[in-house]
Amino acid sequence: MNARIKWVENVMFVAESGTGHAIVLDGAPESGGKNLGMRPLELMALSVGSCSSYDVVTILKKARQEITSCEAEVTAVRVDATPAVFESIHLHFKVGGVDLSDKQVQRAVELSAEKYCSASIMLKNAGVKVTHDFEILAPQSAE
């Protein structure tokens, strides 16, 4: 895996992945930025949420669950010190679908947390408290 981070100005950077996708990272005005992009640790929290979401959706599809939506709400808390590393990250999944099995959704979330999500497992191994829970959304009526 390769990436390139190019400084633009002040505290703004463009990060490009080896697959050719790019994002802008920038700081808050009080840090010399223009608030035109994500902060690096926001990106890290998003990485945990998206990695785990990928797992949950993939596992549920393999279990033949008729999933129609999956949203992960990520709550990350940083320590009040320098460096301001993550103390904890909580993922709350909101999963929608037709006749979803509570057991299958729970299993998908647990498998992601314990076996598959490299991002959250890496942070957990570094001492970050990573927790997960879920809710199954009521089916939406077709109008």
C-alpha atoms as a PDB file:
ATOM      1  CA  MET A   1       0.000   0.000   0.000  1.00  0.00           C
ATOM      2  CA  ASN A   2       1.353   3.392  -0.977  1.00  0.00           C
ATOM      3  CA  ALA A   3       0.208   6.984  -0.561  1.00  0.00           C
ATOM      4  CA  ARG A   4       1.467  10.481  -1.191  1.00  0.00           C
ATOM      5  CA  ILE A   5       0.770  13.582   0.897  1.00  0.00           C
ATOM      6  CA  LYS A   6       1.441  16.899  -0.828  1.00  0.00           C
ATOM      7  CA  TRP A   7       1.603  20.188   1.048  1.00  0.00           C
ATOM      8  CA  VAL A   8      -0.554  22.880  -0.574  1.00  0.00           C
ATOM      9  CA  GLU A   9      -0.232  25.899   1.756  1.00  0.00           C
ATOM     10  CA  ASN A  10      -0.307  26.758   5.456  1.00  0.00           C
ATOM     11  CA  VAL A  11      -1.625  23.516   7.028  1.00  0.00           C
ATOM     12  CA  MET A  12      -3.487  22.209   3.955  1.00  0.00           C
ATOM     13  CA  PHE A  13      -2.464  18.988   2.258  1.00  0.00           C
ATOM     14  CA  VAL A  14      -3.784  16.769  -0.521  1.00  0.00           C
ATOM     15  CA  ALA A  15      -3.500  13.078   0.256  1.00  0.00           C
ATOM     16  CA  GLU A  16      -3.547  10.640  -2.665  1.00  0.00           C
ATOM     17  CA  SER A  17      -3.814   6.900  -2.289  1.00  0.00           C
ATOM     18  CA  GLY A  18      -1.947   4.405  -4.398  1.00  0.00           C
ATOM     19  CA  THR A  19      -5.225   3.681  -6.174  1.00  0.00           C
ATOM     20  CA  GLY A  20      -5.425   7.301  -7.322  1.00  0.00           C
ATOM     21  CA  HIS A  21      -8.101   8.672  -4.982  1.00  0.00           C
ATOM     22  CA  ALA A  22      -7.497  12.011  -3.281  1.00  0.00           C
ATOM     23  CA  ILE A  23      -8.816  13.996  -0.320  1.00  0.00           C
ATOM     24  CA  VAL A  24      -8.021  17.388   1.149  1.00  0.00           C
ATOM     25  CA  LEU A  25      -6.833  17.716   4.740  1.00  0.00           C
ATOM     26  CA  ASP A  26      -6.758  21.097   6.448  1.00  0.00           C
ATOM     27  CA  GLY A  27      -6.678  22.659   9.883  1.00  0.00           C
ATOM     28  CA  ALA A  28      -8.932  25.026  11.757  1.00  0.00           C
ATOM     29  CA  PRO A  29      -8.347  28.770  11.300  1.00  0.00           C
ATOM     30  CA  GLU A  30      -6.863  29.026  14.806  1.00  0.00           C
ATOM     31  CA  SER A  31      -4.237  26.507  13.679  1.00  0.00           C
ATOM     32  CA  GLY A  32      -3.400  28.335  10.468  1.00  0.00           C
ATOM     33  CA  GLY A  33      -5.859  26.503   8.237  1.00  0.00           C
ATOM     34  CA  LYS A  34      -8.902  27.493   6.234  1.00  0.00           C
ATOM     35  CA  ASN A  35     -11.119  24.603   7.354  1.00  0.00           C
ATOM     36  CA  LEU A  36     -11.323  23.314   3.769  1.00  0.00           C
ATOM     37  CA  GLY A  37     -10.776  19.648   4.573  1.00  0.00           C
ATOM     38  CA  MET A  38     -10.860  16.982   7.218  1.00  0.00           C
ATOM     39  CA  ARG A  39      -8.426  16.832  10.091  1.00  0.00           C
ATOM     40  CA  PRO A  40      -6.101  13.801  10.104  1.00  0.00           C
ATOM     41  CA  LEU A  41      -7.701  12.232  13.191  1.00  0.00           C
ATOM     42  CA  GLU A  42     -11.181  12.753  11.761  1.00  0.00           C
ATOM     43  CA  LEU A  43      -9.954  10.708   8.829  1.00  0.00           C
ATOM     44  CA  MET A  44      -8.704   8.035  11.214  1.00  0.00           C
ATOM     45  CA  ALA A  45     -12.104   7.846  12.952  1.00  0.00           C
ATOM     46  CA  LEU A  46     -13.781   7.615   9.541  1.00  0.00           C
ATOM     47  CA  SER A  47     -11.386   4.809   8.619  1.00  0.00           C
ATOM     48  CA  VAL A  48     -12.516   2.773  11.622  1.00  0.00           C
ATOM     49  CA  GLY A  49     -16.190   3.392  10.867  1.00  0.00           C
ATOM     50  CA  SER A  50     -15.940   2.663   7.163  1.00  0.00           C
ATOM     51  CA  CYS A  51     -13.750  -0.420   7.626  1.00  0.00           C
ATOM     52  CA  SER A  52     -16.205  -1.913  10.088  1.00  0.00           C
ATOM     53  CA  SER A  53     -19.224  -0.898   7.981  1.00  0.00           C
ATOM     54  CA  TYR A  54     -17.678  -2.688   4.996  1.00  0.00           C
ATOM     55  CA  ASP A  55     -17.370  -5.827   7.127  1.00  0.00           C
ATOM     56  CA  VAL A  56     -20.894  -5.647   8.543  1.00  0.00           C
ATOM     57  CA  VAL A  57     -22.519  -5.195   5.120  1.00  0.00           C
ATOM     58  CA  THR A  58     -20.388  -7.920   3.531  1.00  0.00           C
ATOM     59  CA  ILE A  59     -21.058 -10.409   6.342  1.00  0.00           C
ATOM     60  CA  LEU A  60     -24.808  -9.731   6.295  1.00  0.00           C
ATOM     61  CA  LYS A  61     -24.962 -10.178   2.512  1.00  0.00           C
ATOM     62  CA  LYS A  62     -23.070 -13.470   2.794  1.00  0.00           C
ATOM     63  CA  ALA A  63     -25.586 -14.534   5.452  1.00  0.00           C
ATOM     64  CA  ARG A  64     -28.324 -13.831   2.890  1.00  0.00           C
ATOM     65  CA  GLN A  65     -29.808 -11.024   4.961  1.00  0.00           C
ATOM     66  CA  GLU A  66     -31.867  -8.583   2.893  1.00  0.00           C
ATOM     67  CA  ILE A  67     -30.039  -5.455   4.037  1.00  0.00           C
ATOM     68  CA  THR A  68     -31.265  -2.115   2.653  1.00  0.00           C
ATOM     69  CA  SER A  69     -29.241   0.349   4.737  1.00  0.00           C
ATOM     70  CA  CYS A  70     -26.308   0.520   7.096  1.00  0.00           C
ATOM     71  CA  GLU A  71     -25.091   3.621   8.878  1.00  0.00           C
ATOM     72  CA  ALA A  72     -22.318   3.745  11.452  1.00  0.00           C
ATOM     73  CA  GLU A  73     -22.239   6.631  13.905  1.00  0.00           C
ATOM     74  CA  VAL A  74     -18.682   7.055  15.187  1.00  0.00           C
ATOM     75  CA  THR A  75     -17.983   8.738  18.527  1.00  0.00           C
ATOM     76  CA  ALA A  76     -14.282   9.214  19.215  1.00  0.00           C
ATOM     77  CA  VAL A  77     -12.851  10.679  22.419  1.00  0.00           C
ATOM     78  CA  ARG A  78      -9.295  11.992  22.604  1.00  0.00           C
ATOM     79  CA  VAL A  79      -7.145  12.349  25.712  1.00  0.00           C
ATOM     80  CA  ASP A  80      -6.535  15.843  27.055  1.00  0.00           C
ATOM     81  CA  ALA A  81      -2.770  15.748  26.541  1.00  0.00           C
ATOM     82  CA  THR A  82      -0.133  15.925  23.850  1.00  0.00           C
ATOM     83  CA  PRO A  83      -0.253  13.873  21.755  1.00  0.00           C
ATOM     84  CA  ALA A  84      -4.072  13.922  21.819  1.00  0.00           C
ATOM     85  CA  VAL A  85      -4.509  10.277  20.870  1.00  0.00           C
ATOM     86  CA  PHE A  86      -7.808   8.460  20.915  1.00  0.00           C
ATOM     87  CA  GLU A  87      -8.905   7.210  24.313  1.00  0.00           C
ATOM     88  CA  SER A  88     -12.031   5.503  22.996  1.00  0.00           C
ATOM     89  CA  ILE A  89     -14.044   4.983  19.847  1.00  0.00           C
ATOM     90  CA  HIS A  90     -17.632   3.788  19.830  1.00  0.00           C
ATOM     91  CA  LEU A  91     -19.427   2.559  16.714  1.00  0.00           C
ATOM     92  CA  HIS A  92     -23.214   2.513  16.708  1.00  0.00           C
ATOM     93  CA  PHE A  93     -24.649   0.703  13.686  1.00  0.00           C
ATOM     94  CA  LYS A  94     -28.139   1.433  12.373  1.00  0.00           C
ATOM     95  CA  VAL A  95     -29.043  -1.418  10.052  1.00  0.00           C
ATOM     96  CA  GLY A  96     -32.177  -1.597   7.945  1.00  0.00           C
ATOM     97  CA  GLY A  97     -33.595  -4.390   5.874  1.00  0.00           C
ATOM     98  CA  VAL A  98     -36.343  -6.900   5.361  1.00  0.00           C
ATOM     99  CA  ASP A  99     -36.820  -9.486   8.130  1.00  0.00           C
ATOM    100  CA  LEU A 100     -33.301  -8.961   9.485  1.00  0.00           C
ATOM    101  CA  SER A 101     -32.172 -11.450  12.088  1.00  0.00           C
ATOM    102  CA  ASP A 102     -31.032  -9.802  15.317  1.00  0.00           C
ATOM    103  CA  LYS A 103     -28.577 -12.679  15.777  1.00  0.00           C
ATOM    104  CA  GLN A 104     -27.091 -12.229  12.306  1.00  0.00           C
ATOM    105  CA  VAL A 105     -26.621  -8.475  12.760  1.00  0.00           C
ATOM    106  CA  GLN A 106     -25.033  -9.021  16.181  1.00  0.00           C
ATOM    107  CA  ARG A 107     -22.765 -11.693  14.699  1.00  0.00           C
ATOM    108  CA  ALA A 108     -21.719  -9.384  11.832  1.00  0.00           C
ATOM    109  CA  VAL A 109     -20.848  -6.561  14.245  1.00  0.00           C
ATOM    110  CA  GLU A 110     -18.929  -8.921  16.544  1.00  0.00           C
ATOM    111  CA  LEU A 111     -16.994 -10.565  13.695  1.00  0.00           C
ATOM    112  CA  SER A 112     -15.967  -7.165  12.391  1.00  0.00           C
ATOM    113  CA  ALA A 113     -14.867  -6.033  15.853  1.00  0.00           C
ATOM    114  CA  GLU A 114     -13.021  -9.204  16.817  1.00  0.00           C
ATOM    115  CA  LYS A 115     -11.685 -10.620  13.555  1.00  0.00           C
ATOM    116  CA  TYR A 116     -11.948  -8.533  10.394  1.00  0.00           C
ATOM    117  CA  CYS A 117     -11.739  -4.756  10.871  1.00  0.00           C
ATOM    118  CA  SER A 118      -8.012  -4.084  10.643  1.00  0.00           C
ATOM    119  CA  ALA A 119      -8.433  -0.396  11.511  1.00  0.00           C
ATOM    120  CA  SER A 120     -10.305  -0.910  14.782  1.00  0.00           C
ATOM    121  CA  ILE A 121      -8.235  -3.939  15.815  1.00  0.00           C
ATOM    122  CA  MET A 122      -5.010  -2.003  15.201  1.00  0.00           C
ATOM    123  CA  LEU A 123      -6.210   0.842  17.431  1.00  0.00           C
ATOM    124  CA  LYS A 124      -7.493  -1.584  20.058  1.00  0.00           C
ATOM    125  CA  ASN A 125      -4.065  -3.240  20.146  1.00  0.00           C
ATOM    126  CA  ALA A 126      -2.577   0.231  20.722  1.00  0.00           C
ATOM    127  CA  GLY A 127      -4.716   0.707  23.841  1.00  0.00           C
ATOM    128  CA  VAL A 128      -7.778   2.479  22.436  1.00  0.00           C
ATOM    129  CA  LYS A 129     -11.053   1.257  23.928  1.00  0.00           C
ATOM    130  CA  VAL A 130     -13.141   0.324  20.858  1.00  0.00           C
ATOM    131  CA  THR A 131     -16.780  -0.599  21.437  1.00  0.00           C
ATOM    132  CA  HIS A 132     -19.689  -1.439  19.150  1.00  0.00           C
ATOM    133  CA  ASP A 133     -23.449  -1.723  19.357  1.00  0.00           C
ATOM    134  CA  PHE A 134     -26.329  -1.759  16.876  1.00  0.00           C
ATOM    135  CA  GLU A 135     -29.989  -1.246  16.301  1.00  0.00           C
ATOM    136  CA  ILE A 136     -32.205  -2.679  13.614  1.00  0.00           C
ATOM    137  CA  LEU A 137     -34.324  -0.011  11.985  1.00  0.00           C
ATOM    138  CA  ALA A 138     -38.027  -0.523  11.452  1.00  0.00           C
ATOM    139  CA  PRO A 139     -38.858  -1.352   7.844  1.00  0.00           C
ATOM    140  CA  GLN A 140     -39.816   1.657   5.730  1.00  0.00           C
ATOM    141  CA  SER A 141     -43.228   1.460   4.066  1.00  0.00           C
ATOM    142  CA  ALA A 142     -43.274   1.946   0.311  1.00  0.00           C
ATOM    143  CA  GLU A 143     -45.201   5.062  -0.674  1.00  0.00           C
END
